[in-house]
Amino acid sequence: MLRSFRVANHRSLRDEQELLLMPRRSGGQDALSVAAMYGANASGKSTVLDALGFVQHAVRDSYQRWSPTGPIPRKPFLLDEAARTESSWYVLEVLIDGARWTYGFELDDKQIIEEWLYTYPQQRRRVIFERDADGIRFGTAVANRRDRARVLTDLIRDNALLLSLAAQAGLAEVLPMYEWLNDSMEIYTGGGTAASAVLADFLIAEPQRMIEVTRLLGAADFGVTGLQVDVRGPEVAMAEAALARAEAEVERTLDGKGSNVQAVRELESVRHEVDFLHTLNPRNRVRLQHGSSGVLFEVRDESAGTKSWMALIPLVLKALTAGDTLVVDEIDTSLHPRLVARVIELFRDPATNTGGGQLVFTTHDATLLGTNFGVETLRRDEIWFVEKAADGTSSLFALSDFKPRKGENTERRYLGGSYGAVPAVFSGSLVHELLEAREHGHAAS
């Protein structure tokens, strides 16, 4: 689970900002299972998630995929000339198997300036590694630390993260943090176009989940009463294997080891066959049944809400059982507020959240700030706001900073502007704005 995330100089997050996901009330929780971020359009809510995504991609790709000679693909604040050249930095604190881990790094366009990884067994800091201008240092917990430091110093590049390299080299001591970032944090930014294939792949891998998926689809009131998984036929896999062989043959003959004409013709023939088979059945897919007719509908014929929910269900179920941190941008897009409230319940209830999963999301849905059937949907320490200032910088702050009174109508006060982080466009009327713009346009012409 994510306990905190600090970031500075990433897009609109010019100054240091911290998302702190530790409960304010007692009860034994080490981290919140739910957290929501509110703010106006373009306030910086998605930027917080983008910064998390940058950490994830940098750890995955910096050593293997970033250009060895190119600049670091970071995103500094662009509205301040000084910030463009100043460093950016990111720090995560997470819980892995009950122990705290802290990982962070500072970088500019050319190099990693600092990087560190600590863990806290029995609440005492243990250094896994530290990296700065003086080099790489492993802590005493790392076996053969001096030899390993020498080897990795020879291999590391200035523009690549040590965590990325050390994980690729199989250094066991760093793998918990690498695997958490790589496998246990899922960032979902929407788009249900691949919902059918994603859900089908999930059910093929875990067929025992069929009843759970069917019940969750049906309970969402989309009219779904059943589903069927269509597995892509073996002829597609065979054709794709033939295509790989044909491509390899063309590569071989290009090296001057044979005639290239026949190999190219064979490649074109196989490619046409693969394209045709993909058209018939491009991927594993799910078709949905509505009512009792037994008729199966293609996902393309379903509503946007159904597609969004189909895409989210595998991520939600995996988070609940594996203890993942699921990060969702604009969770209310195409989903009814009551459905979002029910998803929150799944993460808050230990009977369903057996793995200790976590849900972090951005939303505009102010109804979640109120009650649902008389029960508080979001606790006060689970609510964060993001606001953008006139100079383009975003700030992140918690509802609990305002010390709201018990029984206070949080939804009404938020919409009334008591906490900030609401759009200012509704002070007048959009009708007035549009008519005035047209009047100025006619006068100019």
Protein backbone atom coordinates (compact mmCIF):
# COMPACT_ATOMS: atom_id res chain seq x y z
CA MET A 1 0.00 0.00 0.00
CA LEU A 2 1.04 3.56 -0.69
CA ARG A 3 1.58 5.57 2.51
CA SER A 4 2.85 8.81 1.01
CA PHE A 5 4.08 10.37 -2.21
CA ARG A 6 6.12 13.57 -2.46
CA VAL A 7 6.97 15.31 -5.70
CA ALA A 8 8.46 18.59 -6.87
CA ASN A 9 8.89 20.21 -10.30
CA HIS A 10 6.68 17.85 -12.27
CA ARG A 11 4.40 19.67 -14.71
CA SER A 12 2.19 22.02 -12.65
CA LEU A 13 3.53 20.64 -9.35
CA ARG A 14 6.25 23.30 -9.21
CA ASP A 15 6.84 23.28 -5.45
CA GLU A 16 7.00 20.25 -3.18
CA GLN A 17 3.61 18.59 -2.69
CA GLU A 18 2.74 15.56 -0.57
CA LEU A 19 -0.13 13.10 -0.76
CA LEU A 20 -0.26 11.58 2.73
CA LEU A 21 -2.34 8.42 2.94
CA MET A 22 -2.11 7.70 6.64
CA PRO A 23 -5.31 7.67 8.71
CA ARG A 24 -5.97 10.50 11.13
CA ARG A 25 -8.08 8.32 13.42
CA SER A 26 -6.82 5.39 15.47
CA GLY A 27 -7.76 1.84 14.56
CA GLY A 28 -4.60 0.03 13.60
CA GLN A 29 -4.55 0.99 9.92
CA ASP A 30 -1.07 1.70 8.57
CA ALA A 31 -2.42 3.32 5.40
CA LEU A 32 -5.80 4.39 4.08
CA SER A 33 -7.58 1.87 1.90
CA VAL A 34 -9.36 4.68 0.00
CA ALA A 35 -8.35 8.22 -1.01
CA ALA A 36 -10.07 10.69 -3.33
CA MET A 37 -8.74 13.86 -4.98
CA TYR A 38 -11.03 16.72 -6.02
CA GLY A 39 -10.35 19.83 -8.06
CA ALA A 40 -11.41 21.88 -11.06
CA ASN A 41 -10.58 20.85 -14.61
CA ALA A 42 -6.85 21.35 -15.31
CA SER A 43 -6.19 21.94 -11.61
CA GLY A 44 -3.49 19.28 -11.43
CA LYS A 45 -5.35 16.20 -10.14
CA SER A 46 -4.24 14.07 -13.08
CA THR A 47 -0.75 15.53 -12.75
CA VAL A 48 -0.37 13.88 -9.33
CA LEU A 49 -1.19 10.54 -10.96
CA ASP A 50 1.08 11.35 -13.91
CA ALA A 51 3.95 11.89 -11.47
CA LEU A 52 3.28 8.47 -9.94
CA GLY A 53 3.23 7.02 -13.43
CA PHE A 54 6.56 8.69 -14.24
CA VAL A 55 8.17 6.95 -11.26
CA GLN A 56 6.75 3.63 -12.38
CA HIS A 57 7.89 4.00 -15.99
CA ALA A 58 11.31 5.33 -15.01
CA VAL A 59 11.94 2.29 -12.83
CA ARG A 60 10.71 -0.07 -15.54
CA ASP A 61 12.36 1.55 -18.55
CA SER A 62 15.24 3.88 -17.67
CA TYR A 63 18.00 1.29 -18.00
CA GLN A 64 16.59 -0.81 -20.83
CA ARG A 65 14.63 1.63 -22.99
CA TRP A 66 15.76 5.20 -22.41
CA SER A 67 18.31 6.40 -24.92
CA PRO A 68 21.85 5.90 -23.55
CA THR A 69 22.88 9.27 -24.97
CA GLY A 70 19.61 11.18 -24.95
CA PRO A 71 18.02 13.44 -22.34
CA ILE A 72 15.89 12.14 -19.49
CA PRO A 73 12.22 12.37 -20.58
CA ARG A 74 11.04 14.28 -17.52
CA LYS A 75 8.31 16.96 -17.41
CA PRO A 76 9.41 20.02 -15.40
CA PHE A 77 7.25 23.08 -14.76
CA LEU A 78 7.42 25.10 -18.00
CA LEU A 79 5.88 28.43 -16.96
CA ASP A 80 8.96 29.44 -14.96
CA GLU A 81 12.24 29.68 -16.85
CA ALA A 82 14.26 28.73 -13.77
CA ALA A 83 12.19 25.60 -13.14
CA ARG A 84 12.98 24.25 -16.61
CA THR A 85 16.59 23.72 -15.62
CA GLU A 86 16.09 22.93 -11.94
CA SER A 87 15.92 19.32 -10.79
CA SER A 88 12.77 17.28 -10.21
CA TRP A 89 12.41 14.78 -7.40
CA TYR A 90 10.04 12.01 -6.30
CA VAL A 91 9.76 10.07 -3.02
CA LEU A 92 7.48 7.10 -2.29
CA GLU A 93 6.79 5.43 1.03
CA VAL A 94 5.01 2.09 0.73
CA LEU A 95 4.09 -0.92 2.81
CA ILE A 96 5.37 -4.26 1.54
CA ASP A 97 4.48 -7.34 3.60
CA GLY A 98 3.92 -5.12 6.62
CA ALA A 99 7.29 -3.35 6.43
CA ARG A 100 7.86 0.28 5.39
CA TRP A 101 10.00 1.02 2.34
CA THR A 102 11.13 4.43 1.11
CA TYR A 103 12.38 5.00 -2.42
CA GLY A 104 13.27 8.31 -4.00
CA PHE A 105 15.35 10.01 -6.66
CA GLU A 106 16.31 13.46 -7.91
CA LEU A 107 17.12 14.14 -11.55
CA ASP A 108 17.49 16.80 -14.19
CA ASP A 109 17.55 16.59 -17.99
CA LYS A 110 20.93 14.86 -18.09
CA GLN A 111 21.49 12.75 -15.01
CA ILE A 112 20.25 11.11 -11.85
CA ILE A 113 21.53 13.42 -9.14
CA GLU A 114 20.58 11.29 -6.13
CA GLU A 115 18.78 8.00 -5.55
CA TRP A 116 18.08 6.01 -2.40
CA LEU A 117 16.24 2.95 -1.13
CA TYR A 118 15.57 2.24 2.56
CA THR A 119 13.48 -0.25 4.46
CA TYR A 120 12.36 -0.17 8.10
CA PRO A 121 12.12 -3.62 9.67
CA GLN A 122 11.27 -3.28 13.37
CA GLN A 123 10.94 0.49 12.75
CA ARG A 124 14.71 0.93 12.30
CA ARG A 125 16.10 2.25 9.04
CA ARG A 126 18.11 -0.18 6.97
CA VAL A 127 19.97 1.18 3.95
CA ILE A 128 19.62 -0.87 0.79
CA PHE A 129 21.50 1.61 -1.38
CA GLU A 130 22.41 5.27 -1.71
CA ARG A 131 23.66 6.95 -4.85
CA ASP A 132 24.99 10.46 -5.34
CA ALA A 133 27.91 12.29 -6.96
CA ASP A 134 30.33 10.24 -4.83
CA GLY A 135 29.10 6.95 -6.26
CA ILE A 136 27.02 3.93 -5.20
CA ARG A 137 26.93 2.58 -1.65
CA PHE A 138 25.07 -0.55 -0.56
CA GLY A 139 24.04 -1.08 3.05
CA THR A 140 25.23 -3.90 5.25
CA ALA A 141 22.04 -5.86 4.51
CA VAL A 142 23.28 -6.44 0.94
CA ALA A 143 25.50 -9.49 0.52
CA ASN A 144 28.91 -8.87 -1.14
CA ARG A 145 28.02 -5.20 -1.18
CA ARG A 146 31.43 -3.84 -2.20
CA ASP A 147 31.83 -6.24 -5.12
CA ARG A 148 28.30 -5.54 -6.28
CA ALA A 149 28.81 -1.80 -5.99
CA ARG A 150 31.90 -2.05 -8.22
CA VAL A 151 30.10 -4.12 -10.85
CA LEU A 152 27.01 -1.91 -10.98
CA THR A 153 29.10 1.27 -10.98
CA ASP A 154 30.71 0.04 -14.20
CA LEU A 155 27.31 -0.70 -15.75
CA ILE A 156 25.15 2.21 -14.60
CA ARG A 157 24.55 5.23 -16.84
CA ASP A 158 24.15 8.78 -15.61
CA ASN A 159 20.61 8.91 -17.06
CA ALA A 160 19.35 5.54 -15.72
CA LEU A 161 18.01 4.60 -12.29
CA LEU A 162 20.03 2.21 -10.16
CA LEU A 163 16.83 0.44 -9.07
CA SER A 164 16.11 -0.33 -12.72
CA LEU A 165 19.60 -1.77 -13.30
CA ALA A 166 19.85 -3.61 -9.97
CA ALA A 167 16.51 -5.35 -10.55
CA GLN A 168 17.59 -6.42 -14.03
CA ALA A 169 20.82 -7.75 -12.50
CA GLY A 170 18.75 -9.83 -10.05
CA LEU A 171 19.83 -8.08 -6.85
CA ALA A 172 17.41 -9.75 -4.41
CA GLU A 173 17.48 -6.93 -1.86
CA VAL A 174 15.89 -4.41 -4.27
CA LEU A 175 13.28 -6.71 -5.78
CA PRO A 176 10.47 -6.04 -3.26
CA MET A 177 10.43 -2.33 -4.18
CA TYR A 178 10.86 -2.99 -7.90
CA GLU A 179 8.08 -5.59 -7.94
CA TRP A 180 5.75 -3.30 -5.99
CA LEU A 181 6.20 -0.54 -8.55
CA ASN A 182 6.09 -2.91 -11.50
CA ASP A 183 3.30 -5.28 -10.44
CA SER A 184 1.43 -3.95 -7.41
CA MET A 185 0.58 -0.41 -8.49
CA GLU A 186 -1.91 -0.24 -11.36
CA ILE A 187 -2.62 3.19 -12.86
CA TYR A 188 -5.83 3.28 -14.90
CA THR A 189 -6.51 6.39 -16.95
CA GLY A 190 -9.70 5.24 -18.67
CA GLY A 191 -10.61 4.08 -22.11
CA GLY A 192 -12.81 1.01 -22.44
CA THR A 193 -11.88 0.16 -26.03
CA ALA A 194 -10.00 -2.99 -24.99
CA ALA A 195 -12.42 -3.88 -22.20
CA SER A 196 -13.61 -7.07 -23.90
CA ALA A 197 -10.12 -8.48 -24.44
CA VAL A 198 -8.87 -7.43 -21.00
CA LEU A 199 -11.82 -9.05 -19.22
CA ALA A 200 -11.58 -12.16 -21.41
CA ASP A 201 -7.86 -12.59 -20.68
CA PHE A 202 -8.59 -12.18 -16.97
CA LEU A 203 -11.29 -14.86 -16.99
CA ILE A 204 -9.17 -17.26 -19.07
CA ALA A 205 -6.35 -16.89 -16.52
CA GLU A 206 -8.74 -17.12 -13.54
CA PRO A 207 -11.90 -18.98 -14.64
CA GLN A 208 -13.00 -19.36 -11.01
CA ARG A 209 -13.79 -15.64 -11.06
CA MET A 210 -16.61 -16.02 -13.59
CA ILE A 211 -19.36 -15.90 -10.95
CA GLU A 212 -17.82 -12.84 -9.27
CA VAL A 213 -17.54 -10.98 -12.57
CA THR A 214 -21.08 -11.87 -13.62
CA ARG A 215 -22.50 -10.75 -10.28
CA LEU A 216 -20.58 -7.46 -10.34
CA LEU A 217 -21.75 -6.73 -13.89
CA GLY A 218 -25.33 -7.58 -13.00
CA ALA A 219 -25.33 -5.61 -9.75
CA ALA A 220 -24.25 -2.45 -11.61
CA ASP A 221 -27.73 -2.29 -13.18
CA PHE A 222 -26.52 -2.40 -16.79
CA GLY A 223 -29.02 -5.16 -17.53
CA VAL A 224 -26.34 -7.84 -17.88
CA THR A 225 -27.52 -11.33 -16.90
CA GLY A 226 -24.65 -13.44 -18.19
CA LEU A 227 -21.51 -13.51 -20.29
CA GLN A 228 -19.53 -15.78 -22.55
CA VAL A 229 -15.78 -15.86 -23.15
CA ASP A 230 -14.71 -16.54 -26.74
CA VAL A 231 -11.15 -17.79 -26.93
CA ARG A 232 -9.18 -16.91 -30.03
CA GLY A 233 -8.79 -20.03 -32.15
CA PRO A 234 -5.49 -21.94 -32.36
CA GLU A 235 -5.26 -21.12 -36.08
CA VAL A 236 -4.45 -17.50 -35.15
CA ALA A 237 -1.54 -18.51 -32.94
CA MET A 238 -0.26 -20.87 -35.65
CA ALA A 239 -0.47 -18.12 -38.28
CA GLU A 240 1.34 -15.66 -35.99
CA ALA A 241 4.12 -18.22 -35.45
CA ALA A 242 4.40 -18.66 -39.23
CA LEU A 243 4.61 -14.90 -39.59
CA ALA A 244 7.49 -14.73 -37.10
CA ARG A 245 9.34 -17.44 -39.05
CA ALA A 246 8.76 -15.62 -42.34
CA GLU A 247 10.06 -12.36 -40.91
CA ALA A 248 13.14 -14.13 -39.59
CA GLU A 249 13.74 -15.65 -43.03
CA VAL A 250 13.59 -12.24 -44.68
CA GLU A 251 16.10 -10.92 -42.14
CA ARG A 252 18.39 -13.86 -42.82
CA THR A 253 18.33 -13.42 -46.58
CA LEU A 254 18.96 -9.69 -46.23
CA ASP A 255 22.32 -10.66 -44.73
CA GLY A 256 23.30 -12.09 -48.10
CA LYS A 257 22.87 -15.72 -47.13
CA GLY A 258 20.21 -16.54 -49.70
CA SER A 259 17.73 -15.29 -52.28
CA ASN A 260 15.43 -12.64 -50.87
CA VAL A 261 12.61 -12.64 -53.46
CA GLN A 262 10.89 -15.86 -52.41
CA ALA A 263 11.21 -14.99 -48.72
CA VAL A 264 9.50 -11.62 -49.24
CA ARG A 265 6.66 -13.24 -51.21
CA GLU A 266 6.15 -15.80 -48.46
CA LEU A 267 6.14 -13.04 -45.83
CA GLU A 268 3.45 -11.08 -47.71
CA SER A 269 1.30 -14.20 -48.07
CA VAL A 270 1.49 -15.08 -44.38
CA ARG A 271 0.90 -11.46 -43.35
CA HIS A 272 -2.35 -11.34 -45.36
CA GLU A 273 -3.52 -14.55 -43.70
CA VAL A 274 -2.79 -13.19 -40.21
CA ASP A 275 -4.59 -9.91 -40.99
CA PHE A 276 -7.63 -11.85 -42.22
CA LEU A 277 -7.74 -14.05 -39.10
CA HIS A 278 -7.37 -11.01 -36.84
CA THR A 279 -10.35 -9.44 -38.58
CA LEU A 280 -12.45 -12.53 -37.87
CA ASN A 281 -11.39 -12.87 -34.24
CA PRO A 282 -8.78 -10.27 -33.28
CA ARG A 283 -8.39 -11.19 -29.61
CA ASN A 284 -9.96 -13.19 -26.85
CA ARG A 285 -13.27 -11.49 -26.19
CA VAL A 286 -16.33 -11.36 -23.94
CA ARG A 287 -19.90 -11.11 -25.13
CA LEU A 288 -22.69 -10.11 -22.77
CA GLN A 289 -26.20 -11.47 -22.32
CA HIS A 290 -29.08 -9.15 -21.46
CA GLY A 291 -32.34 -10.40 -20.04
CA SER A 292 -33.46 -14.01 -20.52
CA SER A 293 -33.35 -14.16 -24.32
CA GLY A 294 -29.91 -15.76 -24.44
CA VAL A 295 -28.82 -13.35 -27.18
CA LEU A 296 -25.14 -12.36 -26.85
CA PHE A 297 -24.11 -8.77 -27.59
CA GLU A 298 -20.71 -7.58 -28.78
CA VAL A 299 -19.01 -5.13 -26.44
CA ARG A 300 -19.02 -2.47 -29.17
CA ASP A 301 -22.83 -2.43 -28.81
CA GLU A 302 -22.66 -1.76 -25.05
CA SER A 303 -22.87 1.61 -23.31
CA ALA A 304 -19.78 3.59 -22.32
CA GLY A 305 -20.63 2.88 -18.67
CA THR A 306 -20.72 -0.88 -19.25
CA LYS A 307 -17.36 -0.78 -21.04
CA SER A 308 -15.78 1.29 -18.26
CA TRP A 309 -17.06 -1.10 -15.59
CA MET A 310 -15.87 -4.13 -17.61
CA ALA A 311 -12.38 -2.63 -17.79
CA LEU A 312 -12.29 -1.84 -14.08
CA ILE A 313 -13.64 -5.14 -12.71
CA PRO A 314 -10.42 -7.19 -13.29
CA LEU A 315 -8.32 -4.42 -11.72
CA VAL A 316 -10.64 -4.14 -8.72
CA LEU A 317 -10.75 -7.90 -8.10
CA LYS A 318 -6.97 -8.23 -8.42
CA ALA A 319 -6.40 -5.33 -6.01
CA LEU A 320 -8.80 -6.78 -3.44
CA THR A 321 -7.12 -10.20 -3.40
CA ALA A 322 -3.48 -9.37 -4.17
CA GLY A 323 -3.28 -6.17 -2.12
CA ASP A 324 -2.55 -3.92 -5.10
CA THR A 325 -2.78 -0.15 -5.12
CA LEU A 326 -5.29 0.74 -7.84
CA VAL A 327 -4.97 4.35 -9.04
CA VAL A 328 -7.86 5.57 -11.21
CA ASP A 329 -8.11 8.90 -13.00
CA GLU A 330 -11.66 10.33 -13.09
CA ILE A 331 -13.34 7.23 -11.70
CA ASP A 332 -16.77 8.79 -12.16
CA THR A 333 -16.41 8.93 -15.96
CA SER A 334 -19.35 6.92 -17.33
CA LEU A 335 -20.03 5.37 -13.91
CA HIS A 336 -23.00 6.35 -11.79
CA PRO A 337 -22.10 7.90 -8.39
CA ARG A 338 -23.85 5.07 -6.55
CA LEU A 339 -21.70 2.52 -8.39
CA VAL A 340 -18.53 4.42 -7.42
CA ALA A 341 -19.75 4.43 -3.82
CA ARG A 342 -20.19 0.65 -3.99
CA VAL A 343 -16.63 0.22 -5.30
CA ILE A 344 -15.39 2.27 -2.35
CA GLU A 345 -17.29 -0.10 -0.05
CA LEU A 346 -15.47 -3.08 -1.55
CA PHE A 347 -12.10 -1.60 -0.55
CA ARG A 348 -13.22 -0.47 2.87
CA ASP A 349 -14.79 -3.77 3.96
CA PRO A 350 -12.20 -6.33 5.15
CA ALA A 351 -14.57 -9.14 4.19
CA THR A 352 -14.12 -8.28 0.49
CA ASN A 353 -10.73 -6.56 0.67
CA THR A 354 -8.99 -9.69 1.90
CA GLY A 355 -5.61 -8.80 0.43
CA GLY A 356 -5.44 -5.27 1.80
CA GLY A 357 -5.89 -3.48 -1.52
CA GLN A 358 -6.02 0.28 -1.90
CA LEU A 359 -8.04 2.60 -4.14
CA VAL A 360 -6.74 6.08 -4.99
CA PHE A 361 -8.77 8.12 -7.47
CA THR A 362 -9.56 11.54 -8.87
CA THR A 363 -13.13 12.67 -9.34
CA HIS A 364 -15.50 15.61 -9.86
CA ASP A 365 -18.39 13.80 -8.19
CA ALA A 366 -19.29 15.95 -5.20
CA THR A 367 -22.03 13.54 -4.10
CA LEU A 368 -19.30 11.23 -2.78
CA LEU A 369 -18.58 13.94 -0.20
CA GLY A 370 -21.99 13.36 1.30
CA THR A 371 -23.74 10.27 2.63
CA ASN A 372 -25.02 7.21 0.83
CA PHE A 373 -28.11 5.68 2.45
CA GLY A 374 -27.21 7.57 5.62
CA VAL A 375 -23.59 6.36 5.69
CA GLU A 376 -20.58 8.60 5.07
CA THR A 377 -19.20 7.61 1.64
CA LEU A 378 -15.74 9.13 2.14
CA ARG A 379 -14.15 9.77 5.50
CA ARG A 380 -12.66 13.20 6.03
CA ASP A 381 -9.08 11.95 6.10
CA GLU A 382 -9.70 10.26 2.72
CA ILE A 383 -10.45 13.53 0.90
CA TRP A 384 -7.84 15.71 -0.85
CA PHE A 385 -8.11 18.81 -2.99
CA VAL A 386 -5.92 20.12 -5.82
CA GLU A 387 -6.01 23.79 -6.76
CA LYS A 388 -4.17 25.75 -9.43
CA ALA A 389 -2.99 29.30 -8.75
CA ALA A 390 -2.86 32.20 -11.20
CA ASP A 391 0.82 31.47 -11.94
CA GLY A 392 -0.04 27.93 -13.10
CA THR A 393 1.28 26.07 -10.06
CA SER A 394 -0.82 23.38 -8.40
CA SER A 395 -1.10 22.77 -4.68
CA LEU A 396 -2.36 19.66 -2.90
CA PHE A 397 -4.09 19.84 0.48
CA ALA A 398 -6.32 17.69 2.67
CA LEU A 399 -9.87 18.33 3.86
CA SER A 400 -8.66 17.58 7.38
CA ASP A 401 -6.50 20.74 7.18
CA PHE A 402 -9.74 22.72 7.55
CA LYS A 403 -10.70 20.84 10.74
CA PRO A 404 -14.34 20.40 9.67
CA ARG A 405 -16.88 20.06 12.45
CA LYS A 406 -18.73 16.80 13.03
CA GLY A 407 -21.89 16.74 10.97
CA GLU A 408 -20.68 19.46 8.63
CA ASN A 409 -22.15 19.22 5.10
CA THR A 410 -18.92 18.65 3.23
CA GLU A 411 -20.55 18.41 -0.19
CA ARG A 412 -22.36 21.75 0.14
CA ARG A 413 -19.33 23.54 1.57
CA TYR A 414 -17.08 22.22 -1.22
CA LEU A 415 -19.49 23.31 -3.95
CA GLY A 416 -19.83 26.66 -2.18
CA GLY A 417 -16.07 27.21 -2.40
CA SER A 418 -15.26 26.90 1.32
CA TYR A 419 -12.32 24.60 0.63
CA GLY A 420 -11.24 26.03 -2.73
CA ALA A 421 -10.36 23.67 -5.61
CA VAL A 422 -13.62 24.40 -7.47
CA PRO A 423 -13.92 25.95 -10.95
CA ALA A 424 -14.50 29.70 -11.06
CA VAL A 425 -16.41 29.64 -14.37
CA PHE A 426 -19.86 29.61 -12.78
CA SER A 427 -19.69 32.97 -11.04
CA GLY A 428 -21.86 34.34 -13.84
CA SER A 429 -23.54 32.49 -16.69
CA LEU A 430 -22.19 30.55 -19.66
CA VAL A 431 -25.11 31.94 -21.66
CA HIS A 432 -23.92 35.45 -20.83
CA GLU A 433 -20.31 34.59 -21.71
CA LEU A 434 -21.26 33.12 -25.09
CA LEU A 435 -23.60 35.95 -26.04
CA GLU A 436 -21.00 38.54 -25.08
CA ALA A 437 -18.36 36.75 -27.15
CA ARG A 438 -20.68 36.72 -30.16
CA GLU A 439 -21.38 40.42 -29.71
CA HIS A 440 -17.66 41.20 -29.67
CA GLY A 441 -17.19 38.97 -32.70
CA HIS A 442 -19.85 40.81 -34.71
CA ALA A 443 -18.38 44.18 -33.69
CA ALA A 444 -14.89 43.11 -34.78
CA SER A 445 -16.14 41.98 -38.17
